[in-house]
Amino acid sequence: MITIKEAITKSELKEFIKFPFELYKANPYWVPPLISEEFETFDKTKNPAFENAEVKFYTAWRHNKMVGKTAAIINWQEVKSQGLKKVRFGWFDVIDDIEVTKALLEKAADFGRENNLEYMEGPMGFSNLDKVGVLTEGFDRIGTAVTWYNFPYYKEHFEKLGLTVEKEYRESIFTMNDVDPKPFQRASEMIKKRYNLRAVNFNSTREVMPYVDKMFDLFNKSYERLSSFVAVSDSQKEYFKNKYIGLINPEYIKFVEDENGNVVAFTIVMPSFAEALIKAKGKLFPFGFIHLLRAKKNSKDVTFYLIGVDPEYQNKGVTAIIFDEYYKVFTKNKVRNCIRTPELEENYAMNNLWKNFNPVIHKRRKTYKKDL
């Protein structure tokens, strides 16, 4: 018999957070989160996502042993402003038993029904800044700090239970050895002159901070046409600024401005923290922070995390300026591999950005939907 419990207390949330550490303990491709970071993400007093979201944390038990877990999330901004009457499910992990998956998803569905919602979709987090999708290809590739890993049977469970594919994502990788810089070096100079643009580079986190709000305003503007997009709020901007900007090598943050100082494009690239997080085993102390600091300074792999281009400048070659700047710093820092975080298959403008870099699609993931 499977029993579903709601995790409410700190000890119950700790069980929720630590379950995948047991599930994936022998898997070399799973990248563990920091336990303290997961606690903060689920803390209603700290994470501004809770201003617009209602969340239930469910755990599945059999014979007094935890066998699965999921979060059921209602993003009320999404429901009210976009009319998408859906309950999300995320942070989903389960043993290979379809009855456990069924029980957890039914509990999440009940939460949606109680709030008069019409369908369920996941795996996904609170907002567009969270992890998304169940891995469907690329199980033998190490994950990243900003994606979920899972076993192949997750997809099989969802499909056998009647869930249908809602969104599809691709993740690609390219090596610096495959990059011919000449085309975007020529284009960069031409585009700068044609539109009176300039690249903005940084040497310190302090220099970056005044640009962060502008960056998120442009992020919202760049993606607002996508059906799945929920705008980043002012409080979320502040949260991201304080929590994450300091983790990023400031050399890996690039902006493009017009002659009036308006930001027309930006990109944030993060050093790959995957191997450091595996070594940290979920803990900052006593040695986890050392592994993370080393990765920030010395990682030869990088992850393209966020990119945005003003709609007025899309298809005008502005990204050539950004790529030219990254080529310089990546060459200096001897970066080997560039990894793309999940991109929607339908986001053709973004997918076309990388066609000249010989990217290899090495992972795919999907979200699944079920009517309530």
Protein backbone atom coordinates (compact mmCIF):
# COMPACT_ATOMS: atom_id res chain seq x y z
CA MET A 1 0.00 0.00 0.00
CA ILE A 2 1.28 3.48 -0.94
CA THR A 3 0.69 6.38 1.44
CA ILE A 4 1.03 10.01 0.32
CA LYS A 5 2.04 12.54 2.96
CA GLU A 6 2.42 16.30 2.76
CA ALA A 7 5.87 17.51 3.83
CA ILE A 8 5.35 20.52 6.10
CA THR A 9 7.91 20.54 8.90
CA LYS A 10 11.61 21.19 8.40
CA SER A 11 12.44 17.53 9.01
CA GLU A 12 9.81 16.44 6.48
CA LEU A 13 11.17 18.89 3.90
CA LYS A 14 14.65 17.56 4.58
CA GLU A 15 13.40 14.06 3.73
CA PHE A 16 11.85 15.49 0.55
CA ILE A 17 15.13 17.17 -0.44
CA LYS A 18 17.40 14.25 0.41
CA PHE A 19 15.39 11.49 -1.31
CA PRO A 20 17.21 11.83 -4.69
CA PHE A 21 20.57 11.53 -2.92
CA GLU A 22 19.63 7.95 -2.11
CA LEU A 23 17.90 7.30 -5.44
CA TYR A 24 20.88 8.40 -7.55
CA LYS A 25 23.75 7.57 -5.21
CA ALA A 26 25.33 5.12 -7.67
CA ASN A 27 24.66 7.25 -10.76
CA PRO A 28 27.67 9.23 -12.09
CA TYR A 29 25.55 11.57 -14.23
CA TRP A 30 23.29 13.04 -11.54
CA VAL A 31 24.37 16.46 -10.24
CA PRO A 32 23.22 16.91 -6.62
CA PRO A 33 21.87 20.28 -5.54
CA LEU A 34 23.13 22.02 -2.43
CA ILE A 35 20.78 21.02 0.38
CA SER A 36 20.88 24.53 1.86
CA GLU A 37 19.92 26.01 -1.52
CA GLU A 38 16.96 23.66 -1.85
CA PHE A 39 15.76 24.67 1.62
CA GLU A 40 15.96 28.33 0.61
CA THR A 41 14.11 27.65 -2.64
CA PHE A 42 11.27 26.07 -0.65
CA ASP A 43 11.23 28.80 2.04
CA LYS A 44 8.16 31.01 1.67
CA THR A 45 9.87 33.81 3.60
CA LYS A 46 12.89 33.91 1.25
CA ASN A 47 11.85 32.88 -2.25
CA PRO A 48 9.76 35.62 -3.93
CA ALA A 49 8.21 33.02 -6.24
CA PHE A 50 5.81 32.33 -3.36
CA GLU A 51 4.31 35.81 -3.80
CA ASN A 52 2.43 34.39 -6.79
CA ALA A 53 2.64 30.67 -6.14
CA GLU A 54 0.98 28.13 -3.90
CA VAL A 55 2.90 24.90 -3.32
CA LYS A 56 2.36 21.49 -1.75
CA PHE A 57 5.23 19.09 -1.15
CA TYR A 58 4.18 15.46 -1.33
CA THR A 59 6.11 12.34 -0.40
CA ALA A 60 5.16 8.72 -1.15
CA TRP A 61 5.75 5.95 1.40
CA ARG A 62 5.51 2.18 1.45
CA HIS A 63 6.42 -0.03 4.42
CA ASN A 64 7.73 3.06 6.25
CA LYS A 65 10.18 3.79 3.45
CA MET A 66 10.07 6.84 1.18
CA VAL A 67 9.65 5.78 -2.45
CA GLY A 68 8.91 9.04 -4.28
CA LYS A 69 8.15 12.74 -4.06
CA THR A 70 6.84 15.72 -6.03
CA ALA A 71 5.91 19.35 -5.56
CA ALA A 72 2.49 20.51 -6.80
CA ILE A 73 2.58 24.20 -7.76
CA ILE A 74 -0.01 26.76 -8.77
CA ASN A 75 1.52 29.88 -10.30
CA TRP A 76 -1.40 32.24 -9.82
CA GLN A 77 0.17 34.90 -12.04
CA GLU A 78 0.12 32.38 -14.87
CA VAL A 79 -3.44 31.32 -14.09
CA LYS A 80 -4.86 34.84 -13.83
CA SER A 81 -2.86 36.86 -16.36
CA GLN A 82 -2.53 34.18 -19.07
CA GLY A 83 -5.69 32.22 -18.37
CA LEU A 84 -3.71 28.98 -18.17
CA LYS A 85 -5.68 26.96 -15.65
CA LYS A 86 -2.94 24.51 -14.81
CA VAL A 87 -1.26 22.99 -11.82
CA ARG A 88 2.45 22.36 -12.24
CA PHE A 89 4.35 19.44 -10.81
CA GLY A 90 8.10 19.48 -10.28
CA TRP A 91 11.00 18.20 -8.19
CA PHE A 92 9.63 14.82 -9.19
CA ASP A 93 11.58 11.70 -8.25
CA VAL A 94 10.39 8.14 -7.87
CA ILE A 95 11.53 4.53 -7.75
CA ASP A 96 10.75 2.36 -10.76
CA ASP A 97 7.19 1.56 -9.76
CA ILE A 98 4.42 3.04 -11.88
CA GLU A 99 1.94 2.76 -9.00
CA VAL A 100 4.05 5.21 -6.99
CA THR A 101 4.15 7.62 -9.93
CA LYS A 102 0.39 7.26 -10.35
CA ALA A 103 -0.28 8.01 -6.67
CA LEU A 104 1.94 11.11 -6.65
CA LEU A 105 0.51 12.54 -9.86
CA GLU A 106 -3.03 11.91 -8.69
CA LYS A 107 -2.31 13.83 -5.50
CA ALA A 108 -0.95 16.75 -7.53
CA ALA A 109 -4.04 16.54 -9.77
CA ASP A 110 -6.31 16.66 -6.71
CA PHE A 111 -4.60 19.90 -5.66
CA GLY A 112 -5.43 21.32 -9.09
CA ARG A 113 -9.03 20.15 -8.95
CA GLU A 114 -9.50 21.69 -5.52
CA ASN A 115 -8.57 25.03 -7.09
CA ASN A 116 -10.79 24.59 -10.16
CA LEU A 117 -7.89 24.13 -12.55
CA GLU A 118 -8.20 22.23 -15.81
CA TYR A 119 -4.92 20.44 -16.46
CA MET A 120 -1.58 19.43 -15.01
CA GLU A 121 1.88 19.93 -16.56
CA GLY A 122 5.40 19.04 -15.54
CA PRO A 123 8.03 18.53 -14.50
CA MET A 124 8.57 22.27 -14.05
CA GLY A 125 9.34 24.71 -11.28
CA PHE A 126 7.70 27.89 -10.03
CA SER A 127 8.70 30.03 -13.01
CA ASN A 128 10.82 30.26 -16.17
CA LEU A 129 13.97 30.67 -14.07
CA ASP A 130 13.57 27.20 -12.58
CA LYS A 131 14.51 23.79 -13.93
CA VAL A 132 12.18 22.24 -16.47
CA GLY A 133 11.42 18.97 -18.24
CA VAL A 134 11.95 15.26 -17.84
CA LEU A 135 15.06 13.96 -19.58
CA THR A 136 14.15 11.75 -22.56
CA GLU A 137 17.56 11.48 -24.28
CA GLY A 138 21.09 11.83 -22.97
CA PHE A 139 20.98 9.67 -19.88
CA ASP A 140 24.69 8.88 -20.24
CA ARG A 141 25.73 12.56 -20.12
CA ILE A 142 26.51 14.44 -16.93
CA GLY A 143 23.83 16.95 -15.99
CA THR A 144 24.23 20.63 -15.21
CA ALA A 145 23.55 22.70 -12.12
CA VAL A 146 20.44 24.17 -13.76
CA THR A 147 18.72 20.99 -15.02
CA TRP A 148 17.10 17.92 -13.50
CA TYR A 149 18.41 14.43 -14.17
CA ASN A 150 16.20 11.36 -14.14
CA PHE A 151 16.10 7.69 -15.08
CA PRO A 152 14.59 6.59 -18.45
CA TYR A 153 11.57 5.01 -16.75
CA TYR A 154 10.13 8.41 -15.78
CA LYS A 155 9.08 9.04 -19.39
CA GLU A 156 7.71 5.50 -19.65
CA HIS A 157 5.62 5.96 -16.50
CA PHE A 158 4.13 9.25 -17.73
CA GLU A 159 3.16 7.85 -21.12
CA LYS A 160 1.69 4.63 -19.72
CA LEU A 161 -0.44 6.75 -17.37
CA GLY A 162 -1.89 8.69 -20.30
CA LEU A 163 0.08 11.93 -20.07
CA THR A 164 0.84 13.57 -23.41
CA VAL A 165 3.79 15.67 -24.53
CA GLU A 166 3.18 19.40 -24.03
CA LYS A 167 6.59 20.99 -24.73
CA GLU A 168 9.86 19.72 -26.13
CA TYR A 169 13.32 21.05 -25.33
CA ARG A 170 16.79 20.50 -26.72
CA GLU A 171 20.18 20.84 -25.06
CA SER A 172 23.26 21.21 -27.22
CA ILE A 173 27.01 21.38 -26.78
CA PHE A 174 29.82 22.68 -28.96
CA THR A 175 33.57 22.76 -28.52
CA MET A 176 35.75 25.81 -28.94
CA ASN A 177 37.93 23.81 -31.33
CA ASP A 178 35.00 23.69 -33.77
CA VAL A 179 34.41 27.44 -33.72
CA ASP A 180 35.66 29.51 -36.64
CA PRO A 181 35.67 33.08 -35.27
CA LYS A 182 36.19 34.89 -38.58
CA PRO A 183 32.52 35.17 -39.64
CA PHE A 184 31.28 36.69 -36.38
CA GLN A 185 34.41 38.82 -35.98
CA ARG A 186 33.70 40.46 -39.35
CA ALA A 187 29.97 40.69 -38.60
CA SER A 188 30.61 42.18 -35.15
CA GLU A 189 32.45 45.21 -36.51
CA MET A 190 29.90 45.71 -39.25
CA ILE A 191 26.89 45.50 -36.91
CA LYS A 192 28.47 47.89 -34.39
CA LYS A 193 28.94 50.53 -37.06
CA ARG A 194 25.58 49.98 -38.74
CA TYR A 195 23.49 50.36 -35.57
CA ASN A 196 25.86 52.42 -33.37
CA LEU A 197 26.22 49.64 -30.82
CA ARG A 198 28.94 48.78 -28.35
CA ALA A 199 29.87 45.79 -26.23
CA VAL A 200 29.85 46.15 -22.45
CA ASN A 201 32.32 43.98 -20.52
CA PHE A 202 32.91 43.64 -16.78
CA ASN A 203 35.83 42.93 -14.48
CA SER A 204 33.98 42.83 -11.15
CA THR A 205 30.59 41.86 -9.75
CA ARG A 206 30.17 45.42 -8.48
CA GLU A 207 30.27 46.70 -12.06
CA VAL A 208 27.57 44.21 -13.11
CA MET A 209 24.97 45.08 -10.47
CA PRO A 210 23.61 48.32 -12.04
CA TYR A 211 22.77 46.36 -15.19
CA VAL A 212 20.85 43.48 -13.65
CA ASP A 213 17.40 45.14 -13.57
CA LYS A 214 17.83 46.26 -17.20
CA MET A 215 18.79 42.71 -18.08
CA PHE A 216 15.61 41.22 -16.64
CA ASP A 217 13.46 43.89 -18.26
CA LEU A 218 14.96 42.86 -21.58
CA PHE A 219 14.58 39.19 -20.69
CA ASN A 220 10.84 39.74 -20.16
CA LYS A 221 10.58 41.69 -23.42
CA SER A 222 12.54 39.08 -25.40
CA TYR A 223 10.43 36.09 -24.36
CA GLU A 224 6.96 37.56 -23.82
CA ARG A 225 5.74 36.19 -27.16
CA LEU A 226 6.33 32.58 -26.13
CA SER A 227 3.12 30.96 -24.96
CA SER A 228 4.74 29.47 -21.86
CA PHE A 229 6.46 32.61 -20.58
CA VAL A 230 5.70 34.18 -17.21
CA ALA A 231 7.39 37.55 -16.60
CA VAL A 232 10.05 37.89 -13.92
CA SER A 233 8.78 40.16 -11.11
CA ASP A 234 10.72 42.98 -9.44
CA SER A 235 11.19 40.95 -6.27
CA GLN A 236 12.46 37.98 -8.28
CA LYS A 237 14.98 40.27 -9.98
CA GLU A 238 16.30 41.35 -6.59
CA TYR A 239 16.41 37.76 -5.34
CA PHE A 240 18.34 36.57 -8.38
CA LYS A 241 20.70 39.52 -8.16
CA ASN A 242 21.60 38.85 -4.53
CA LYS A 243 21.73 35.07 -4.79
CA TYR A 244 23.38 34.27 -8.09
CA ILE A 245 25.29 37.14 -9.68
CA GLY A 246 28.16 36.72 -7.23
CA LEU A 247 28.59 33.09 -8.35
CA ILE A 248 29.26 34.10 -11.95
CA ASN A 249 32.64 35.11 -13.26
CA PRO A 250 31.98 38.77 -14.25
CA GLU A 251 33.98 38.22 -17.44
CA TYR A 252 31.20 35.83 -18.51
CA ILE A 253 28.45 38.46 -18.42
CA LYS A 254 28.10 40.43 -21.67
CA PHE A 255 25.81 43.28 -22.70
CA VAL A 256 25.29 45.24 -25.88
CA GLU A 257 24.14 48.87 -25.68
CA ASP A 258 22.91 51.34 -28.25
CA GLU A 259 24.17 54.92 -28.54
CA ASN A 260 21.71 56.06 -25.85
CA GLY A 261 22.84 53.48 -23.29
CA ASN A 262 19.84 51.19 -23.77
CA VAL A 263 20.59 47.48 -23.37
CA VAL A 264 19.61 45.68 -26.60
CA ALA A 265 21.16 42.26 -25.90
CA PHE A 266 22.70 40.31 -23.05
CA THR A 267 24.06 36.90 -22.21
CA ILE A 268 24.99 35.24 -18.93
CA VAL A 269 27.37 32.30 -19.07
CA MET A 270 28.12 30.32 -15.93
CA PRO A 271 31.18 28.22 -15.22
CA SER A 272 30.15 24.59 -15.10
CA PHE A 273 29.56 23.69 -11.46
CA ALA A 274 28.51 20.09 -12.21
CA GLU A 275 31.70 18.33 -11.14
CA ALA A 276 32.11 20.65 -8.14
CA LEU A 277 28.58 19.86 -6.95
CA ILE A 278 29.20 16.14 -7.31
CA LYS A 279 32.27 16.51 -5.10
CA ALA A 280 30.36 18.67 -2.61
CA LYS A 281 27.70 15.96 -2.15
CA GLY A 282 25.03 18.52 -1.31
CA LYS A 283 26.99 20.37 1.38
CA LEU A 284 28.78 23.71 1.33
CA PHE A 285 30.88 22.81 4.36
CA PRO A 286 33.48 21.79 5.20
CA PHE A 287 34.84 21.54 1.64
CA GLY A 288 31.95 22.10 -0.78
CA PHE A 289 32.49 25.84 -1.09
CA ILE A 290 36.14 25.25 -2.02
CA HIS A 291 35.11 23.05 -4.96
CA LEU A 292 32.62 25.70 -6.09
CA LEU A 293 35.15 28.54 -5.87
CA ARG A 294 37.64 26.55 -7.90
CA ALA A 295 35.01 25.86 -10.54
CA LYS A 296 34.11 29.56 -10.72
CA LYS A 297 37.70 30.47 -11.44
CA ASN A 298 39.04 27.49 -13.36
CA SER A 299 36.27 25.48 -15.04
CA LYS A 300 37.07 24.67 -18.67
CA ASP A 301 33.40 23.99 -19.40
CA VAL A 302 30.79 26.75 -19.39
CA THR A 303 26.99 26.82 -19.51
CA PHE A 304 25.04 29.43 -21.47
CA TYR A 305 22.36 30.24 -18.91
CA LEU A 306 20.37 33.28 -20.06
CA ILE A 307 20.31 35.15 -23.36
CA GLY A 308 18.01 37.90 -24.54
CA VAL A 309 17.80 40.17 -27.58
CA ASP A 310 15.42 43.10 -27.97
CA PRO A 311 12.78 42.11 -30.56
CA GLU A 312 13.74 45.20 -32.61
CA TYR A 313 17.26 43.83 -32.97
CA GLN A 314 16.49 40.17 -33.52
CA ASN A 315 17.66 38.90 -36.91
CA LYS A 316 20.06 41.85 -37.23
CA GLY A 317 23.19 39.99 -36.23
CA VAL A 318 23.60 41.60 -32.81
CA THR A 319 24.66 38.31 -31.26
CA ALA A 320 27.82 38.41 -33.40
CA ILE A 321 29.04 41.16 -31.06
CA ILE A 322 28.43 38.95 -28.02
CA PHE A 323 30.03 35.89 -29.60
CA ASP A 324 33.09 37.93 -30.55
CA GLU A 325 33.52 39.04 -26.94
CA TYR A 326 33.04 35.51 -25.60
CA TYR A 327 35.53 34.10 -28.07
CA LYS A 328 38.17 36.46 -26.69
CA VAL A 329 37.58 35.59 -23.03
CA PHE A 330 37.06 31.85 -23.64
CA THR A 331 40.33 31.69 -25.58
CA LYS A 332 42.12 33.53 -22.77
CA ASN A 333 40.66 31.20 -20.12
CA LYS A 334 41.18 28.05 -22.24
CA VAL A 335 37.50 27.07 -22.19
CA ARG A 336 36.87 23.77 -23.98
CA ASN A 337 33.13 23.07 -24.09
CA CYS A 338 30.11 25.35 -24.28
CA ILE A 339 26.83 23.85 -23.03
CA ARG A 340 23.37 25.18 -23.82
CA THR A 341 20.63 24.93 -21.21
CA PRO A 342 17.20 23.67 -22.40
CA GLU A 343 15.73 25.61 -25.32
CA LEU A 344 12.18 25.18 -26.54
CA GLU A 345 11.99 23.44 -29.89
CA GLU A 346 9.53 26.14 -30.99
CA ASN A 347 12.01 28.94 -30.20
CA TYR A 348 13.40 29.01 -33.75
CA ALA A 349 15.11 32.39 -33.36
CA MET A 350 17.16 31.08 -30.45
CA ASN A 351 17.92 27.77 -32.10
CA ASN A 352 19.23 29.53 -35.21
CA LEU A 353 21.76 31.50 -33.16
CA TRP A 354 23.98 28.46 -32.80
CA LYS A 355 23.91 27.01 -36.31
CA ASN A 356 27.41 28.28 -37.19
CA PHE A 357 28.99 26.71 -34.10
CA ASN A 358 28.41 23.10 -35.16
CA PRO A 359 26.37 22.34 -32.03
CA VAL A 360 25.54 18.75 -31.21
CA ILE A 361 22.16 18.08 -29.59
CA HIS A 362 23.19 15.79 -26.75
CA LYS A 363 20.04 15.82 -24.63
CA ARG A 364 16.32 16.25 -25.08
CA ARG A 365 13.60 16.70 -22.51
CA LYS A 366 9.85 17.18 -22.40
CA THR A 367 7.05 18.37 -20.21
CA TYR A 368 3.93 16.23 -20.02
CA LYS A 369 0.30 17.24 -19.68
CA LYS A 370 -2.86 15.62 -18.42
CA ASP A 371 -6.39 17.02 -18.30
CA LEU A 372 -7.98 17.03 -14.86
